[in-house]
Amino acid sequence: MVALLPILAGIGTALRLPALVSSIFAVAMSVFGWFLTWFTKRTAMNLTIIALVSALALVNLLALKGILSGLSYVLPPGISEGFAMVIPSNAPACLSAVFSARVIRWVWEWKAWAIAWMSHV
């Protein structure tokens, strides 16, 4: 029994370095995990905002094209041809881009702080 005591003391000193390394590794992993959670939340929020704004721009374009094509069926042919001479063919895309830019500006000026506050970024 007496012969085991020096072996146990040697095992204790041999295991100090792995215990130190594992504790340092655990602290580093918890810091990395916190940073990854913060970065993921922020990135997900920004991607959600970009997707919503892009969808809004696409809906604006499709709605404007639908309204203008619906008006071309209701208007008399002479007025429709007269508008075709004055208004360019890419007018729906230009008008929807202007409207979407105004909506995006409004969202960023007035609503971005609420979005950031709600996401706790």
C-alpha atoms as a PDB file:
ATOM      1  CA  MET A   1       0.000   0.000   0.000  1.00  0.00           C
ATOM      2  CA  VAL A   2       2.877   2.326   0.775  1.00  0.00           C
ATOM      3  CA  ALA A   3       4.342   1.831  -2.682  1.00  0.00           C
ATOM      4  CA  LEU A   4       1.228   3.303  -4.336  1.00  0.00           C
ATOM      5  CA  LEU A   5       1.548   6.762  -2.747  1.00  0.00           C
ATOM      6  CA  PRO A   6       4.450   7.989  -4.925  1.00  0.00           C
ATOM      7  CA  ILE A   7       2.611   6.755  -8.026  1.00  0.00           C
ATOM      8  CA  LEU A   8      -0.556   8.616  -7.039  1.00  0.00           C
ATOM      9  CA  ALA A   9       1.452  11.801  -6.450  1.00  0.00           C
ATOM     10  CA  GLY A  10       3.089  11.408  -9.851  1.00  0.00           C
ATOM     11  CA  ILE A  11      -0.294  10.951 -11.518  1.00  0.00           C
ATOM     12  CA  GLY A  12      -1.596  14.116  -9.831  1.00  0.00           C
ATOM     13  CA  THR A  13       1.298  16.209 -11.130  1.00  0.00           C
ATOM     14  CA  ALA A  14       1.030  14.630 -14.573  1.00  0.00           C
ATOM     15  CA  LEU A  15      -2.647  15.518 -14.829  1.00  0.00           C
ATOM     16  CA  ARG A  16      -2.260  19.202 -13.896  1.00  0.00           C
ATOM     17  CA  LEU A  17      -1.362  20.317 -17.428  1.00  0.00           C
ATOM     18  CA  PRO A  18      -4.325  18.622 -19.181  1.00  0.00           C
ATOM     19  CA  ALA A  19      -6.690  20.038 -16.567  1.00  0.00           C
ATOM     20  CA  LEU A  20      -5.270  23.516 -17.150  1.00  0.00           C
ATOM     21  CA  VAL A  21      -5.552  23.122 -20.907  1.00  0.00           C
ATOM     22  CA  SER A  22      -9.137  21.876 -20.700  1.00  0.00           C
ATOM     23  CA  SER A  23     -10.180  24.753 -18.430  1.00  0.00           C
ATOM     24  CA  ILE A  24      -8.586  27.327 -20.752  1.00  0.00           C
ATOM     25  CA  PHE A  25     -10.264  25.599 -23.691  1.00  0.00           C
ATOM     26  CA  ALA A  26     -13.653  25.711 -21.918  1.00  0.00           C
ATOM     27  CA  VAL A  27     -13.308  29.460 -21.282  1.00  0.00           C
ATOM     28  CA  ALA A  28     -12.258  30.064 -24.893  1.00  0.00           C
ATOM     29  CA  MET A  29     -15.200  28.025 -26.177  1.00  0.00           C
ATOM     30  CA  SER A  30     -17.699  29.920 -24.034  1.00  0.00           C
ATOM     31  CA  VAL A  31     -16.361  33.258 -25.349  1.00  0.00           C
ATOM     32  CA  PHE A  32     -16.438  31.926 -28.909  1.00  0.00           C
ATOM     33  CA  GLY A  33     -19.971  30.623 -28.392  1.00  0.00           C
ATOM     34  CA  TRP A  34     -21.155  34.003 -27.135  1.00  0.00           C
ATOM     35  CA  PHE A  35     -19.566  35.784 -30.103  1.00  0.00           C
ATOM     36  CA  LEU A  36     -21.051  33.289 -32.550  1.00  0.00           C
ATOM     37  CA  THR A  37     -24.529  33.723 -31.034  1.00  0.00           C
ATOM     38  CA  TRP A  38     -24.251  37.517 -31.235  1.00  0.00           C
ATOM     39  CA  PHE A  39     -22.974  37.423 -34.834  1.00  0.00           C
ATOM     40  CA  THR A  40     -25.613  34.919 -35.952  1.00  0.00           C
ATOM     41  CA  LYS A  41     -28.466  36.943 -34.455  1.00  0.00           C
ATOM     42  CA  ARG A  42     -27.222  40.135 -36.075  1.00  0.00           C
ATOM     43  CA  THR A  43     -26.678  38.476 -39.459  1.00  0.00           C
ATOM     44  CA  ALA A  44     -30.081  36.795 -39.392  1.00  0.00           C
ATOM     45  CA  MET A  45     -31.781  40.108 -38.619  1.00  0.00           C
ATOM     46  CA  ASN A  46     -29.975  41.888 -41.460  1.00  0.00           C
ATOM     47  CA  LEU A  47     -30.778  39.091 -43.923  1.00  0.00           C
ATOM     48  CA  THR A  48     -34.428  39.207 -42.874  1.00  0.00           C
ATOM     49  CA  ILE A  49     -34.571  42.958 -43.468  1.00  0.00           C
ATOM     50  CA  ILE A  50     -32.907  42.605 -46.881  1.00  0.00           C
ATOM     51  CA  ALA A  51     -35.321  39.822 -47.883  1.00  0.00           C
ATOM     52  CA  LEU A  52     -38.363  41.833 -46.788  1.00  0.00           C
ATOM     53  CA  VAL A  53     -37.231  44.974 -48.613  1.00  0.00           C
ATOM     54  CA  SER A  54     -36.453  42.973 -51.768  1.00  0.00           C
ATOM     55  CA  ALA A  55     -39.851  41.307 -51.619  1.00  0.00           C
ATOM     56  CA  LEU A  56     -41.486  44.704 -51.170  1.00  0.00           C
ATOM     57  CA  ALA A  57     -39.697  46.051 -54.257  1.00  0.00           C
ATOM     58  CA  LEU A  58     -40.806  43.058 -56.317  1.00  0.00           C
ATOM     59  CA  VAL A  59     -44.405  43.392 -55.143  1.00  0.00           C
ATOM     60  CA  ASN A  60     -44.333  47.105 -56.037  1.00  0.00           C
ATOM     61  CA  LEU A  61     -43.133  46.312 -59.551  1.00  0.00           C
ATOM     62  CA  LEU A  62     -45.731  43.596 -60.101  1.00  0.00           C
ATOM     63  CA  ALA A  63     -48.545  45.730 -58.694  1.00  0.00           C
ATOM     64  CA  LEU A  64     -47.603  48.692 -60.879  1.00  0.00           C
ATOM     65  CA  LYS A  65     -47.403  46.504 -63.981  1.00  0.00           C
ATOM     66  CA  GLY A  66     -50.776  44.985 -63.142  1.00  0.00           C
ATOM     67  CA  ILE A  67     -52.384  48.390 -62.654  1.00  0.00           C
ATOM     68  CA  LEU A  68     -50.964  49.772 -65.901  1.00  0.00           C
ATOM     69  CA  SER A  69     -51.925  46.698 -67.906  1.00  0.00           C
ATOM     70  CA  GLY A  70     -55.420  46.855 -66.391  1.00  0.00           C
ATOM     71  CA  LEU A  71     -55.728  50.500 -67.418  1.00  0.00           C
ATOM     72  CA  SER A  72     -54.719  49.684 -70.987  1.00  0.00           C
ATOM     73  CA  TYR A  73     -57.809  47.465 -71.305  1.00  0.00           C
ATOM     74  CA  VAL A  74     -60.173  50.123 -69.939  1.00  0.00           C
ATOM     75  CA  LEU A  75     -58.860  53.193 -71.802  1.00  0.00           C
ATOM     76  CA  PRO A  76     -59.915  53.933 -75.362  1.00  0.00           C
ATOM     77  CA  PRO A  77     -57.352  52.859 -77.969  1.00  0.00           C
ATOM     78  CA  GLY A  78     -56.442  56.438 -78.935  1.00  0.00           C
ATOM     79  CA  ILE A  79     -55.486  57.431 -75.406  1.00  0.00           C
ATOM     80  CA  SER A  80     -53.520  54.241 -74.918  1.00  0.00           C
ATOM     81  CA  GLU A  81     -51.564  54.854 -78.129  1.00  0.00           C
ATOM     82  CA  GLY A  82     -50.956  58.469 -77.121  1.00  0.00           C
ATOM     83  CA  PHE A  83     -49.554  57.395 -73.768  1.00  0.00           C
ATOM     84  CA  ALA A  84     -47.327  54.893 -75.572  1.00  0.00           C
ATOM     85  CA  MET A  85     -45.774  57.760 -77.563  1.00  0.00           C
ATOM     86  CA  VAL A  86     -44.989  59.819 -74.455  1.00  0.00           C
ATOM     87  CA  ILE A  87     -44.320  57.240 -71.746  1.00  0.00           C
ATOM     88  CA  PRO A  88     -41.304  54.920 -72.239  1.00  0.00           C
ATOM     89  CA  SER A  89     -41.681  51.168 -72.158  1.00  0.00           C
ATOM     90  CA  ASN A  90     -39.637  50.852 -68.950  1.00  0.00           C
ATOM     91  CA  ALA A  91     -41.842  53.290 -67.012  1.00  0.00           C
ATOM     92  CA  PRO A  92     -43.285  50.663 -64.626  1.00  0.00           C
ATOM     93  CA  ALA A  93     -39.805  49.512 -63.626  1.00  0.00           C
ATOM     94  CA  CYS A  94     -38.612  53.101 -63.120  1.00  0.00           C
ATOM     95  CA  LEU A  95     -41.670  54.119 -61.108  1.00  0.00           C
ATOM     96  CA  SER A  96     -41.506  51.024 -58.930  1.00  0.00           C
ATOM     97  CA  ALA A  97     -37.783  51.635 -58.320  1.00  0.00           C
ATOM     98  CA  VAL A  98     -38.506  55.199 -57.207  1.00  0.00           C
ATOM     99  CA  PHE A  99     -41.368  54.113 -54.968  1.00  0.00           C
ATOM    100  CA  SER A 100     -39.349  51.247 -53.509  1.00  0.00           C
ATOM    101  CA  ALA A 101     -36.427  53.577 -52.797  1.00  0.00           C
ATOM    102  CA  ARG A 102     -38.732  55.948 -50.952  1.00  0.00           C
ATOM    103  CA  VAL A 103     -40.187  53.080 -48.913  1.00  0.00           C
ATOM    104  CA  ILE A 104     -36.720  51.726 -48.112  1.00  0.00           C
ATOM    105  CA  ARG A 105     -35.591  55.170 -46.994  1.00  0.00           C
ATOM    106  CA  TRP A 106     -38.648  55.498 -44.770  1.00  0.00           C
ATOM    107  CA  VAL A 107     -38.023  52.080 -43.238  1.00  0.00           C
ATOM    108  CA  TRP A 108     -34.398  52.856 -42.465  1.00  0.00           C
ATOM    109  CA  GLU A 109     -35.055  56.353 -41.130  1.00  0.00           C
ATOM    110  CA  TRP A 110     -38.051  55.636 -38.938  1.00  0.00           C
ATOM    111  CA  LYS A 111     -38.214  51.918 -38.307  1.00  0.00           C
ATOM    112  CA  ALA A 112     -34.621  50.626 -38.192  1.00  0.00           C
ATOM    113  CA  TRP A 113     -34.197  51.641 -34.566  1.00  0.00           C
ATOM    114  CA  ALA A 114     -37.317  49.678 -33.603  1.00  0.00           C
ATOM    115  CA  ILE A 115     -36.127  46.619 -35.489  1.00  0.00           C
ATOM    116  CA  ALA A 116     -32.701  46.791 -33.843  1.00  0.00           C
ATOM    117  CA  TRP A 117     -34.268  47.361 -30.413  1.00  0.00           C
ATOM    118  CA  MET A 118     -36.613  44.408 -30.797  1.00  0.00           C
ATOM    119  CA  SER A 119     -33.762  42.117 -31.815  1.00  0.00           C
ATOM    120  CA  HIS A 120     -31.607  43.295 -28.872  1.00  0.00           C
ATOM    121  CA  VAL A 121     -28.597  43.853 -31.116  1.00  0.00           C
END
